């Protein structure tokens, strides 16, 4: 099993920045992709950014150019640097991790989430 703990959320004015962190612990061997998802009130959960262990990244169009995902494999930590924040970015941000092991299938893990609120 894998445990994910997010931190770094808060209240910020439009145009400001926040950096989210997610630390993975437990059976971390085999984790490849880690990422961030968000869910705003009245909206479906949507992917924000993902990164593989090798550093390949993917972003949803609405955050491209403003957000940067990165990871420190030695610390089992993934980050999301969020710049030029907009009120539309307000949501609960969840970290996730995908673990793949030969003969053991694929498992997906989720953190509890951290609130990001952007005021206009």
PDB file of N, CA and C in Angstrom:
ATOM      1  N   UNK A   1       0.814  -1.170   0.000  1.00  0.00           N
ATOM      2  CA  UNK A   1       0.000   0.000   0.000  1.00  0.00           C
ATOM      3  C   UNK A   1       0.871   1.251   0.000  1.00  0.00           C
ATOM      4  N   UNK A   2       0.278   2.342  -0.508  1.00  0.00           N
ATOM      5  CA  UNK A   2       0.954   3.621  -0.618  1.00  0.00           C
ATOM      6  C   UNK A   2       0.100   4.682   0.065  1.00  0.00           C
ATOM      7  N   UNK A   3       0.750   5.545   0.818  1.00  0.00           N
ATOM      8  CA  UNK A   3       0.082   6.682   1.433  1.00  0.00           C
ATOM      9  C   UNK A   3       0.597   7.962   0.791  1.00  0.00           C
ATOM     10  N   UNK A   4      -0.321   8.882   0.492  1.00  0.00           N
ATOM     11  CA  UNK A   4       0.012  10.149  -0.132  1.00  0.00           C
ATOM     12  C   UNK A   4      -0.502  11.277   0.746  1.00  0.00           C
ATOM     13  N   UNK A   5       0.357  12.232   1.055  1.00  0.00           N
ATOM     14  CA  UNK A   5      -0.011  13.360   1.893  1.00  0.00           C
ATOM     15  C   UNK A   5       0.329  14.645   1.164  1.00  0.00           C
ATOM     16  N   UNK A   6      -0.701  15.464   0.916  1.00  0.00           N
ATOM     17  CA  UNK A   6      -0.521  16.735   0.232  1.00  0.00           C
ATOM     18  C   UNK A   6      -0.383  17.878   1.226  1.00  0.00           C
ATOM     19  N   UNK A   7       0.256  18.948   0.778  1.00  0.00           N
ATOM     20  CA  UNK A   7       0.368  20.158   1.564  1.00  0.00           C
ATOM     21  C   UNK A   7       0.608  21.331   0.622  1.00  0.00           C
ATOM     22  N   UNK A   8       0.449  22.540   1.140  1.00  0.00           N
ATOM     23  CA  UNK A   8       0.766  23.733   0.378  1.00  0.00           C
ATOM     24  C   UNK A   8      -0.413  24.539  -0.103  1.00  0.00           C
ATOM     25  N   UNK A   9      -1.619  24.043   0.083  1.00  0.00           N
ATOM     26  CA  UNK A   9      -2.787  24.795  -0.332  1.00  0.00           C
ATOM     27  C   UNK A   9      -3.010  26.004   0.554  1.00  0.00           C
ATOM     28  N   UNK A  10      -3.900  26.874   0.108  1.00  0.00           N
ATOM     29  CA  UNK A  10      -4.199  28.059   0.876  1.00  0.00           C
ATOM     30  C   UNK A  10      -5.020  29.046   0.094  1.00  0.00           C
ATOM     31  N   UNK A  11      -5.095  30.257   0.623  1.00  0.00           N
ATOM     32  CA  UNK A  11      -5.839  31.348   0.009  1.00  0.00           C
ATOM     33  C   UNK A  11      -4.862  32.326  -0.624  1.00  0.00           C
ATOM     34  N   UNK A  12      -5.115  32.664  -1.873  1.00  0.00           N
ATOM     35  CA  UNK A  12      -4.241  33.578  -2.594  1.00  0.00           C
ATOM     36  C   UNK A  12      -5.072  34.440  -3.528  1.00  0.00           C
ATOM     37  N   UNK A  13      -4.604  35.648  -3.782  1.00  0.00           N
ATOM     38  CA  UNK A  13      -5.287  36.530  -4.720  1.00  0.00           C
ATOM     39  C   UNK A  13      -4.954  36.151  -6.156  1.00  0.00           C
ATOM     40  N   UNK A  14      -5.856  36.513  -7.059  1.00  0.00           N
ATOM     41  CA  UNK A  14      -5.609  36.262  -8.468  1.00  0.00           C
ATOM     42  C   UNK A  14      -4.270  36.845  -8.886  1.00  0.00           C
ATOM     43  N   UNK A  15      -3.531  36.061  -9.656  1.00  0.00           N
ATOM     44  CA  UNK A  15      -2.207  36.463 -10.078  1.00  0.00           C
ATOM     45  C   UNK A  15      -1.100  35.963  -9.181  1.00  0.00           C
ATOM     46  N   UNK A  16      -1.457  35.435  -8.032  1.00  0.00           N
ATOM     47  CA  UNK A  16      -0.477  34.934  -7.099  1.00  0.00           C
ATOM     48  C   UNK A  16      -0.025  33.525  -7.414  1.00  0.00           C
ATOM     49  N   UNK A  17       0.801  32.984  -6.513  1.00  0.00           N
ATOM     50  CA  UNK A  17       1.394  31.671  -6.718  1.00  0.00           C
ATOM     51  C   UNK A  17       1.284  30.813  -5.470  1.00  0.00           C
ATOM     52  N   UNK A  18       1.255  29.511  -5.686  1.00  0.00           N
ATOM     53  CA  UNK A  18       1.309  28.520  -4.621  1.00  0.00           C
ATOM     54  C   UNK A  18       2.110  27.334  -5.122  1.00  0.00           C
ATOM     55  N   UNK A  19       2.731  26.623  -4.196  1.00  0.00           N
ATOM     56  CA  UNK A  19       3.404  25.383  -4.529  1.00  0.00           C
ATOM     57  C   UNK A  19       2.841  24.259  -3.676  1.00  0.00           C
ATOM     58  N   UNK A  20       2.296  23.253  -4.329  1.00  0.00           N
ATOM     59  CA  UNK A  20       1.774  22.085  -3.650  1.00  0.00           C
ATOM     60  C   UNK A  20       2.832  20.992  -3.599  1.00  0.00           C
ATOM     61  N   UNK A  21       2.817  20.235  -2.512  1.00  0.00           N
ATOM     62  CA  UNK A  21       3.731  19.117  -2.353  1.00  0.00           C
ATOM     63  C   UNK A  21       2.942  17.867  -2.015  1.00  0.00           C
ATOM     64  N   UNK A  22       3.445  16.724  -2.442  1.00  0.00           N
ATOM     65  CA  UNK A  22       2.828  15.442  -2.141  1.00  0.00           C
ATOM     66  C   UNK A  22       3.929  14.439  -1.858  1.00  0.00           C
ATOM     67  N   UNK A  23       3.913  13.879  -0.664  1.00  0.00           N
ATOM     68  CA  UNK A  23       4.917  12.910  -0.253  1.00  0.00           C
ATOM     69  C   UNK A  23       4.308  11.515  -0.238  1.00  0.00           C
ATOM     70  N   UNK A  24       4.948  10.592  -0.914  1.00  0.00           N
ATOM     71  CA  UNK A  24       4.513   9.207  -0.949  1.00  0.00           C
ATOM     72  C   UNK A  24       5.312   8.381   0.052  1.00  0.00           C
ATOM     73  N   UNK A  25       4.630   7.492   0.741  1.00  0.00           N
ATOM     74  CA  UNK A  25       5.290   6.615   1.691  1.00  0.00           C
ATOM     75  C   UNK A  25       4.636   5.241   1.635  1.00  0.00           C
ATOM     76  N   UNK A  26       5.258   4.281   2.291  1.00  0.00           N
ATOM     77  CA  UNK A  26       4.767   2.918   2.270  1.00  0.00           C
ATOM     78  C   UNK A  26       5.489   2.105   1.218  1.00  0.00           C
ATOM     79  N   UNK A  27       4.734   1.326   0.460  1.00  0.00           N
ATOM     80  CA  UNK A  27       5.297   0.469  -0.578  1.00  0.00           C
ATOM     81  C   UNK A  27       5.465   1.255  -1.862  1.00  0.00           C
ATOM     82  N   UNK A  28       6.463   2.125  -1.873  1.00  0.00           N
ATOM     83  CA  UNK A  28       6.633   3.043  -2.997  1.00  0.00           C
ATOM     84  C   UNK A  28       7.336   2.419  -4.188  1.00  0.00           C
ATOM     85  N   UNK A  29       7.956   1.256  -4.001  1.00  0.00           N
ATOM     86  CA  UNK A  29       8.610   0.609  -5.132  1.00  0.00           C
ATOM     87  C   UNK A  29       7.585   0.290  -6.212  1.00  0.00           C
ATOM     88  N   UNK A  30       7.891   0.634  -7.437  1.00  0.00           N
ATOM     89  CA  UNK A  30       7.011   0.369  -8.556  1.00  0.00           C
ATOM     90  C   UNK A  30       6.169   1.548  -8.992  1.00  0.00           C
ATOM     91  N   UNK A  31       6.186   2.645  -8.232  1.00  0.00           N
ATOM     92  CA  UNK A  31       5.437   3.836  -8.629  1.00  0.00           C
ATOM     93  C   UNK A  31       6.073   4.441  -9.868  1.00  0.00           C
ATOM     94  N   UNK A  32       5.254   4.686 -10.867  1.00  0.00           N
ATOM     95  CA  UNK A  32       5.735   5.339 -12.073  1.00  0.00           C
ATOM     96  C   UNK A  32       5.134   6.740 -12.173  1.00  0.00           C
ATOM     97  N   UNK A  33       3.901   6.823 -12.626  1.00  0.00           N
ATOM     98  CA  UNK A  33       3.265   8.117 -12.809  1.00  0.00           C
ATOM     99  C   UNK A  33       2.703   8.659 -11.503  1.00  0.00           C
ATOM    100  N   UNK A  34       2.966   9.936 -11.247  1.00  0.00           N
ATOM    101  CA  UNK A  34       2.325  10.668 -10.172  1.00  0.00           C
ATOM    102  C   UNK A  34       1.707  11.913 -10.777  1.00  0.00           C
ATOM    103  N   UNK A  35       0.657  12.403 -10.143  1.00  0.00           N
ATOM    104  CA  UNK A  35       0.002  13.553 -10.729  1.00  0.00           C
ATOM    105  C   UNK A  35      -0.901  14.285  -9.768  1.00  0.00           C
ATOM    106  N   UNK A  36      -1.509  15.332 -10.306  1.00  0.00           N
ATOM    107  CA  UNK A  36      -2.437  16.163  -9.566  1.00  0.00           C
ATOM    108  C   UNK A  36      -3.758  16.233 -10.296  1.00  0.00           C
ATOM    109  N   UNK A  37      -4.837  16.098  -9.536  1.00  0.00           N
ATOM    110  CA  UNK A  37      -6.194  16.252 -10.021  1.00  0.00           C
ATOM    111  C   UNK A  37      -6.892  17.282  -9.148  1.00  0.00           C
ATOM    112  N   UNK A  38      -7.955  17.870  -9.655  1.00  0.00           N
ATOM    113  CA  UNK A  38      -8.676  18.846  -8.856  1.00  0.00           C
ATOM    114  C   UNK A  38     -10.176  18.695  -9.067  1.00  0.00           C
ATOM    115  N   UNK A  39     -10.919  19.103  -8.054  1.00  0.00           N
ATOM    116  CA  UNK A  39     -12.361  19.073  -8.130  1.00  0.00           C
ATOM    117  C   UNK A  39     -12.924  20.318  -7.468  1.00  0.00           C
ATOM    118  N   UNK A  40     -13.651  21.101  -8.247  1.00  0.00           N
ATOM    119  CA  UNK A  40     -14.319  22.298  -7.756  1.00  0.00           C
ATOM    120  C   UNK A  40     -15.771  21.975  -7.455  1.00  0.00           C
ATOM    121  N   UNK A  41     -16.414  22.750  -6.575  1.00  0.00           N
ATOM    122  CA  UNK A  41     -17.825  22.509  -6.274  1.00  0.00           C
ATOM    123  C   UNK A  41     -18.676  22.536  -7.534  1.00  0.00           C
ATOM    124  N   UNK A  42     -19.496  21.525  -7.695  1.00  0.00           N
ATOM    125  CA  UNK A  42     -20.375  21.449  -8.842  1.00  0.00           C
ATOM    126  C   UNK A  42     -19.724  20.986 -10.126  1.00  0.00           C
ATOM    127  N   UNK A  43     -18.469  20.609 -10.063  1.00  0.00           N
ATOM    128  CA  UNK A  43     -17.762  20.157 -11.246  1.00  0.00           C
ATOM    129  C   UNK A  43     -17.186  18.761 -11.029  1.00  0.00           C
ATOM    130  N   UNK A  44     -16.910  18.093 -12.131  1.00  0.00           N
ATOM    131  CA  UNK A  44     -16.272  16.785 -12.064  1.00  0.00           C
ATOM    132  C   UNK A  44     -14.785  16.933 -11.766  1.00  0.00           C
ATOM    133  N   UNK A  45     -14.229  15.881 -11.194  1.00  0.00           N
ATOM    134  CA  UNK A  45     -12.796  15.850 -10.987  1.00  0.00           C
ATOM    135  C   UNK A  45     -12.091  15.852 -12.335  1.00  0.00           C
ATOM    136  N   UNK A  46     -11.051  16.643 -12.452  1.00  0.00           N
ATOM    137  CA  UNK A  46     -10.328  16.718 -13.698  1.00  0.00           C
ATOM    138  C   UNK A  46      -8.829  16.580 -13.465  1.00  0.00           C
ATOM    139  N   UNK A  47      -8.136  15.987 -14.421  1.00  0.00           N
ATOM    140  CA  UNK A  47      -6.686  15.916 -14.299  1.00  0.00           C
ATOM    141  C   UNK A  47      -6.064  17.285 -14.526  1.00  0.00           C
ATOM    142  N   UNK A  48      -4.988  17.550 -13.808  1.00  0.00           N
ATOM    143  CA  UNK A  48      -4.275  18.813 -13.933  1.00  0.00           C
ATOM    144  C   UNK A  48      -2.913  18.598 -14.582  1.00  0.00           C
ATOM    145  N   UNK A  49      -2.120  17.716 -14.002  1.00  0.00           N
ATOM    146  CA  UNK A  49      -0.786  17.453 -14.518  1.00  0.00           C
ATOM    147  C   UNK A  49      -0.314  16.100 -14.033  1.00  0.00           C
ATOM    148  N   UNK A  50       0.505  15.450 -14.837  1.00  0.00           N
ATOM    149  CA  UNK A  50       1.079  14.158 -14.484  1.00  0.00           C
ATOM    150  C   UNK A  50       2.552  14.137 -14.870  1.00  0.00           C
ATOM    151  N   UNK A  51       3.305  13.321 -14.161  1.00  0.00           N
ATOM    152  CA  UNK A  51       4.727  13.187 -14.449  1.00  0.00           C
ATOM    153  C   UNK A  51       5.157  11.750 -14.184  1.00  0.00           C
ATOM    154  N   UNK A  52       5.946  11.195 -15.091  1.00  0.00           N
ATOM    155  CA  UNK A  52       6.474   9.853 -14.911  1.00  0.00           C
ATOM    156  C   UNK A  52       7.746   9.901 -14.086  1.00  0.00           C
ATOM    157  N   UNK A  53       8.193   8.725 -13.667  1.00  0.00           N
ATOM    158  CA  UNK A  53       9.427   8.664 -12.897  1.00  0.00           C
ATOM    159  C   UNK A  53      10.600   9.198 -13.707  1.00  0.00           C
ATOM    160  N   UNK A  54      10.546   9.024 -15.023  1.00  0.00           N
ATOM    161  CA  UNK A  54      11.605   9.508 -15.888  1.00  0.00           C
ATOM    162  C   UNK A  54      11.516  10.978 -16.233  1.00  0.00           C
ATOM    163  N   UNK A  55      10.440  11.656 -15.834  1.00  0.00           N
ATOM    164  CA  UNK A  55      10.340  13.084 -16.029  1.00  0.00           C
ATOM    165  C   UNK A  55       9.448  13.549 -17.163  1.00  0.00           C
ATOM    166  N   UNK A  56       8.788  12.644 -17.865  1.00  0.00           N
ATOM    167  CA  UNK A  56       7.852  13.055 -18.905  1.00  0.00           C
ATOM    168  C   UNK A  56       6.618  13.664 -18.266  1.00  0.00           C
ATOM    169  N   UNK A  57       6.133  14.775 -18.823  1.00  0.00           N
ATOM    170  CA  UNK A  57       5.026  15.504 -18.216  1.00  0.00           C
ATOM    171  C   UNK A  57       3.862  15.659 -19.169  1.00  0.00           C
ATOM    172  N   UNK A  58       2.696  15.895 -18.588  1.00  0.00           N
ATOM    173  CA  UNK A  58       1.485  16.155 -19.341  1.00  0.00           C
ATOM    174  C   UNK A  58       0.635  17.129 -18.549  1.00  0.00           C
ATOM    175  N   UNK A  59       0.055  18.122 -19.242  1.00  0.00           N
ATOM    176  CA  UNK A  59      -0.763  19.137 -18.595  1.00  0.00           C
ATOM    177  C   UNK A  59      -2.097  19.278 -19.296  1.00  0.00           C
ATOM    178  N   UNK A  60      -3.113  19.598 -18.527  1.00  0.00           N
ATOM    179  CA  UNK A  60      -4.376  19.956 -19.131  1.00  0.00           C
ATOM    180  C   UNK A  60      -4.242  21.353 -19.726  1.00  0.00           C
ATOM    181  N   UNK A  61      -4.989  21.616 -20.786  1.00  0.00           N
ATOM    182  CA  UNK A  61      -4.807  22.849 -21.538  1.00  0.00           C
ATOM    183  C   UNK A  61      -4.990  24.119 -20.740  1.00  0.00           C
ATOM    184  N   UNK A  62      -5.891  24.125 -19.773  1.00  0.00           N
ATOM    185  CA  UNK A  62      -6.195  25.344 -19.041  1.00  0.00           C
ATOM    186  C   UNK A  62      -5.075  25.797 -18.111  1.00  0.00           C
ATOM    187  N   UNK A  63      -4.137  24.910 -17.782  1.00  0.00           N
ATOM    188  CA  UNK A  63      -3.053  25.271 -16.877  1.00  0.00           C
ATOM    189  C   UNK A  63      -1.707  25.334 -17.583  1.00  0.00           C
ATOM    190  N   UNK A  64      -1.657  24.923 -18.816  1.00  0.00           N
ATOM    191  CA  UNK A  64      -0.403  24.885 -19.551  1.00  0.00           C
ATOM    192  C   UNK A  64       0.192  26.289 -19.635  1.00  0.00           C
ATOM    193  N   UNK A  65       1.455  26.393 -19.297  1.00  0.00           N
ATOM    194  CA  UNK A  65       2.128  27.679 -19.288  1.00  0.00           C
ATOM    195  C   UNK A  65       2.067  28.395 -17.959  1.00  0.00           C
ATOM    196  N   UNK A  66       1.195  27.955 -17.056  1.00  0.00           N
ATOM    197  CA  UNK A  66       1.068  28.570 -15.741  1.00  0.00           C
ATOM    198  C   UNK A  66       1.523  27.641 -14.621  1.00  0.00           C
ATOM    199  N   UNK A  67       1.265  26.339 -14.773  1.00  0.00           N
ATOM    200  CA  UNK A  67       1.614  25.350 -13.756  1.00  0.00           C
ATOM    201  C   UNK A  67       2.802  24.530 -14.227  1.00  0.00           C
ATOM    202  N   UNK A  68       3.602  24.080 -13.276  1.00  0.00           N
ATOM    203  CA  UNK A  68       4.722  23.205 -13.567  1.00  0.00           C
ATOM    204  C   UNK A  68       4.746  22.062 -12.562  1.00  0.00           C
ATOM    205  N   UNK A  69       4.746  20.837 -13.071  1.00  0.00           N
ATOM    206  CA  UNK A  69       4.849  19.673 -12.207  1.00  0.00           C
ATOM    207  C   UNK A  69       6.288  19.175 -12.218  1.00  0.00           C
ATOM    208  N   UNK A  70       6.762  18.738 -11.072  1.00  0.00           N
ATOM    209  CA  UNK A  70       8.108  18.202 -10.958  1.00  0.00           C
ATOM    210  C   UNK A  70       8.124  17.151  -9.859  1.00  0.00           C
ATOM    211  N   UNK A  71       9.215  16.409  -9.770  1.00  0.00           N
ATOM    212  CA  UNK A  71       9.303  15.399  -8.721  1.00  0.00           C
ATOM    213  C   UNK A  71      10.743  15.195  -8.301  1.00  0.00           C
ATOM    214  N   UNK A  72      10.890  14.753  -7.076  1.00  0.00           N
ATOM    215  CA  UNK A  72      12.177  14.396  -6.512  1.00  0.00           C
ATOM    216  C   UNK A  72      12.073  12.926  -6.137  1.00  0.00           C
ATOM    217  N   UNK A  73      12.631  12.069  -6.967  1.00  0.00           N
ATOM    218  CA  UNK A  73      12.491  10.635  -6.745  1.00  0.00           C
ATOM    219  C   UNK A  73      13.160  10.178  -5.450  1.00  0.00           C
ATOM    220  N   UNK A  74      14.253  10.816  -5.084  1.00  0.00           N
ATOM    221  CA  UNK A  74      14.943  10.445  -3.853  1.00  0.00           C
ATOM    222  C   UNK A  74      14.087  10.717  -2.626  1.00  0.00           C
ATOM    223  N   UNK A  75      13.233  11.737  -2.703  1.00  0.00           N
ATOM    224  CA  UNK A  75      12.354  12.093  -1.594  1.00  0.00           C
ATOM    225  C   UNK A  75      10.943  11.551  -1.759  1.00  0.00           C
ATOM    226  N   UNK A  76      10.689  10.844  -2.854  1.00  0.00           N
ATOM    227  CA  UNK A  76       9.354  10.317  -3.150  1.00  0.00           C
ATOM    228  C   UNK A  76       8.302  11.415  -3.089  1.00  0.00           C
ATOM    229  N   UNK A  77       8.623  12.545  -3.677  1.00  0.00           N
ATOM    230  CA  UNK A  77       7.781  13.724  -3.586  1.00  0.00           C
ATOM    231  C   UNK A  77       7.511  14.303  -4.964  1.00  0.00           C
ATOM    232  N   UNK A  78       6.272  14.719  -5.183  1.00  0.00           N
ATOM    233  CA  UNK A  78       5.892  15.406  -6.400  1.00  0.00           C
ATOM    234  C   UNK A  78       5.401  16.799  -6.029  1.00  0.00           C
ATOM    235  N   UNK A  79       5.688  17.772  -6.889  1.00  0.00           N
ATOM    236  CA  UNK A  79       5.334  19.158  -6.634  1.00  0.00           C
ATOM    237  C   UNK A  79       4.482  19.700  -7.766  1.00  0.00           C
ATOM    238  N   UNK A  80       3.698  20.707  -7.436  1.00  0.00           N
ATOM    239  CA  UNK A  80       2.961  21.449  -8.448  1.00  0.00           C
ATOM    240  C   UNK A  80       3.147  22.933  -8.162  1.00  0.00           C
ATOM    241  N   UNK A  81       3.945  23.597  -8.983  1.00  0.00           N
ATOM    242  CA  UNK A  81       4.134  25.033  -8.879  1.00  0.00           C
ATOM    243  C   UNK A  81       3.054  25.710  -9.696  1.00  0.00           C
ATOM    244  N   UNK A  82       2.251  26.532  -9.041  1.00  0.00           N
ATOM    245  CA  UNK A  82       1.122  27.180  -9.681  1.00  0.00           C
ATOM    246  C   UNK A  82       1.351  28.684  -9.687  1.00  0.00           C
ATOM    247  N   UNK A  83       1.483  29.249 -10.867  1.00  0.00           N
ATOM    248  CA  UNK A  83       1.681  30.679 -11.039  1.00  0.00           C
ATOM    249  C   UNK A  83       0.494  31.284 -11.774  1.00  0.00           C
ATOM    250  N   UNK A  84       0.377  32.594 -11.690  1.00  0.00           N
ATOM    251  CA  UNK A  84      -0.703  33.320 -12.362  1.00  0.00           C
ATOM    252  C   UNK A  84      -2.055  32.684 -12.072  1.00  0.00           C
ATOM    253  N   UNK A  85      -2.306  32.421 -10.815  1.00  0.00           N
ATOM    254  CA  UNK A  85      -3.533  31.739 -10.420  1.00  0.00           C
ATOM    255  C   UNK A  85      -4.761  32.580 -10.734  1.00  0.00           C
ATOM    256  N   UNK A  86      -5.818  31.897 -11.102  1.00  0.00           N
ATOM    257  CA  UNK A  86      -7.090  32.512 -11.447  1.00  0.00           C
ATOM    258  C   UNK A  86      -8.184  31.973 -10.537  1.00  0.00           C
ATOM    259  N   UNK A  87      -9.270  32.730 -10.353  1.00  0.00           N
ATOM    260  CA  UNK A  87     -10.368  32.205  -9.528  1.00  0.00           C
ATOM    261  C   UNK A  87     -10.877  30.852 -10.003  1.00  0.00           C
ATOM    262  N   UNK A  88     -10.792  30.605 -11.294  1.00  0.00           N
ATOM    263  CA  UNK A  88     -11.232  29.331 -11.850  1.00  0.00           C
ATOM    264  C   UNK A  88     -10.367  28.159 -11.405  1.00  0.00           C
ATOM    265  N   UNK A  89      -9.207  28.440 -10.834  1.00  0.00           N
ATOM    266  CA  UNK A  89      -8.348  27.384 -10.316  1.00  0.00           C
ATOM    267  C   UNK A  89      -8.770  26.913  -8.930  1.00  0.00           C
ATOM    268  N   UNK A  90      -9.716  27.590  -8.318  1.00  0.00           N
ATOM    269  CA  UNK A  90     -10.173  27.219  -6.983  1.00  0.00           C
ATOM    270  C   UNK A  90     -10.744  25.805  -6.996  1.00  0.00           C
ATOM    271  N   UNK A  91     -10.220  24.951  -6.132  1.00  0.00           N
ATOM    272  CA  UNK A  91     -10.641  23.557  -6.076  1.00  0.00           C
ATOM    273  C   UNK A  91      -9.882  22.850  -4.961  1.00  0.00           C
ATOM    274  N   UNK A  92     -10.310  21.628  -4.681  1.00  0.00           N
ATOM    275  CA  UNK A  92      -9.529  20.736  -3.848  1.00  0.00           C
ATOM    276  C   UNK A  92      -8.589  19.974  -4.768  1.00  0.00           C
ATOM    277  N   UNK A  93      -7.322  20.050  -4.485  1.00  0.00           N
ATOM    278  CA  UNK A  93      -6.315  19.403  -5.307  1.00  0.00           C
ATOM    279  C   UNK A  93      -5.866  18.104  -4.651  1.00  0.00           C
ATOM    280  N   UNK A  94      -5.932  17.019  -5.405  1.00  0.00           N
ATOM    281  CA  UNK A  94      -5.566  15.697  -4.921  1.00  0.00           C
ATOM    282  C   UNK A  94      -4.347  15.179  -5.657  1.00  0.00           C
ATOM    283  N   UNK A  95      -3.461  14.583  -4.919  1.00  0.00           N
ATOM    284  CA  UNK A  95      -2.316  13.900  -5.480  1.00  0.00           C
ATOM    285  C   UNK A  95      -2.683  12.444  -5.754  1.00  0.00           C
ATOM    286  N   UNK A  96      -2.136  11.872  -6.813  1.00  0.00           N
ATOM    287  CA  UNK A  96      -2.311  10.444  -7.019  1.00  0.00           C
ATOM    288  C   UNK A  96      -1.019   9.810  -7.506  1.00  0.00           C
ATOM    289  N   UNK A  97      -0.962   8.494  -7.379  1.00  0.00           N
ATOM    290  CA  UNK A  97       0.200   7.735  -7.799  1.00  0.00           C
ATOM    291  C   UNK A  97      -0.258   6.424  -8.394  1.00  0.00           C
ATOM    292  N   UNK A  98       0.405   6.005  -9.451  1.00  0.00           N
ATOM    293  CA  UNK A  98       0.114   4.745 -10.115  1.00  0.00           C
ATOM    294  C   UNK A  98       1.291   3.812  -9.909  1.00  0.00           C
ATOM    295  N   UNK A  99       1.018   2.646  -9.349  1.00  0.00           N
ATOM    296  CA  UNK A  99       2.054   1.666  -9.103  1.00  0.00           C
ATOM    297  C   UNK A  99       1.819   0.442  -9.978  1.00  0.00           C
ATOM    298  N   UNK A 100       2.834   0.046 -10.699  1.00  0.00           N
ATOM    299  CA  UNK A 100       2.771  -1.120 -11.563  1.00  0.00           C
ATOM    300  C   UNK A 100       3.890  -2.084 -11.199  1.00  0.00           C
ATOM    301  N   UNK A 101       3.514  -3.319 -10.919  1.00  0.00           N
ATOM    302  CA  UNK A 101       4.476  -4.365 -10.589  1.00  0.00           C
ATOM    303  C   UNK A 101       4.181  -5.578 -11.442  1.00  0.00           C
ATOM    304  N   UNK A 102       5.226  -6.185 -11.973  1.00  0.00           N
ATOM    305  CA  UNK A 102       5.045  -7.397 -12.753  1.00  0.00           C
ATOM    306  C   UNK A 102       4.412  -8.479 -11.889  1.00  0.00           C
ATOM    307  N   UNK A 103       3.330  -9.057 -12.400  1.00  0.00           N
ATOM    308  CA  UNK A 103       2.640 -10.109 -11.676  1.00  0.00           C
ATOM    309  C   UNK A 103       1.723  -9.629 -10.584  1.00  0.00           C
ATOM    310  N   UNK A 104       1.633  -8.320 -10.374  1.00  0.00           N
ATOM    311  CA  UNK A 104       0.797  -7.768  -9.315  1.00  0.00           C
ATOM    312  C   UNK A 104      -0.212  -6.756  -9.824  1.00  0.00           C
ATOM    313  N   UNK A 105      -0.226  -6.490 -11.115  1.00  0.00           N
ATOM    314  CA  UNK A 105      -1.195  -5.577 -11.674  1.00  0.00           C
ATOM    315  C   UNK A 105      -0.880  -4.117 -11.405  1.00  0.00           C
ATOM    316  N   UNK A 106      -1.892  -3.289 -11.598  1.00  0.00           N
ATOM    317  CA  UNK A 106      -1.768  -1.850 -11.447  1.00  0.00           C
ATOM    318  C   UNK A 106      -2.656  -1.368 -10.314  1.00  0.00           C
ATOM    319  N   UNK A 107      -2.113  -0.495  -9.464  1.00  0.00           N
ATOM    320  CA  UNK A 107      -2.859   0.090  -8.367  1.00  0.00           C
ATOM    321  C   UNK A 107      -2.764   1.610  -8.436  1.00  0.00           C
ATOM    322  N   UNK A 108      -3.863   2.269  -8.105  1.00  0.00           N
ATOM    323  CA  UNK A 108      -3.925   3.720  -8.098  1.00  0.00           C
ATOM    324  C   UNK A 108      -4.228   4.192  -6.684  1.00  0.00           C
ATOM    325  N   UNK A 109      -3.463   5.161  -6.209  1.00  0.00           N
ATOM    326  CA  UNK A 109      -3.609   5.671  -4.854  1.00  0.00           C
ATOM    327  C   UNK A 109      -3.900   7.161  -4.885  1.00  0.00           C
ATOM    328  N   UNK A 110      -4.650   7.623  -3.882  1.00  0.00           N
ATOM    329  CA  UNK A 110      -5.066   9.017  -3.803  1.00  0.00           C
ATOM    330  C   UNK A 110      -4.775   9.607  -2.436  1.00  0.00           C
ATOM    331  N   UNK A 111      -4.405  10.878  -2.424  1.00  0.00           N
ATOM    332  CA  UNK A 111      -4.268  11.608  -1.182  1.00  0.00           C
ATOM    333  C   UNK A 111      -5.591  12.209  -0.754  1.00  0.00           C
ATOM    334  N   UNK A 112      -5.610  12.794   0.430  1.00  0.00           N
ATOM    335  CA  UNK A 112      -6.828  13.362   0.982  1.00  0.00           C
ATOM    336  C   UNK A 112      -7.193  14.706   0.368  1.00  0.00           C
ATOM    337  N   UNK A 113      -6.238  15.400  -0.193  1.00  0.00           N
ATOM    338  CA  UNK A 113      -6.497  16.656  -0.864  1.00  0.00           C
ATOM    339  C   UNK A 113      -6.088  17.871  -0.051  1.00  0.00           C
ATOM    340  N   UNK A 114      -5.841  18.959  -0.754  1.00  0.00           N
ATOM    341  CA  UNK A 114      -5.534  20.235  -0.133  1.00  0.00           C
ATOM    342  C   UNK A 114      -6.298  21.328  -0.870  1.00  0.00           C
ATOM    343  N   UNK A 115      -6.885  22.241  -0.109  1.00  0.00           N
ATOM    344  CA  UNK A 115      -7.746  23.268  -0.680  1.00  0.00           C
ATOM    345  C   UNK A 115      -6.927  24.428  -1.235  1.00  0.00           C
ATOM    346  N   UNK A 116      -7.244  24.806  -2.457  1.00  0.00           N
ATOM    347  CA  UNK A 116      -6.679  26.003  -3.078  1.00  0.00           C
ATOM    348  C   UNK A 116      -7.824  26.952  -3.381  1.00  0.00           C
ATOM    349  N   UNK A 117      -7.747  28.160  -2.839  1.00  0.00           N
ATOM    350  CA  UNK A 117      -8.772  29.165  -3.064  1.00  0.00           C
ATOM    351  C   UNK A 117      -8.122  30.423  -3.629  1.00  0.00           C
ATOM    352  N   UNK A 118      -8.621  30.867  -4.765  1.00  0.00           N
ATOM    353  CA  UNK A 118      -8.085  32.052  -5.438  1.00  0.00           C
ATOM    354  C   UNK A 118      -9.171  33.110  -5.477  1.00  0.00           C
ATOM    355  N   UNK A 119      -8.911  34.246  -4.862  1.00  0.00           N
ATOM    356  CA  UNK A 119      -9.873  35.331  -4.824  1.00  0.00           C
ATOM    357  C   UNK A 119      -9.656  36.272  -6.004  1.00  0.00           C
ATOM    358  N   UNK A 120     -10.730  36.915  -6.440  1.00  0.00           N
ATOM    359  CA  UNK A 120     -10.661  37.824  -7.568  1.00  0.00           C
ATOM    360  C   UNK A 120     -10.237  39.210  -7.153  1.00  0.00           C
TER     361      UNK A 120
END
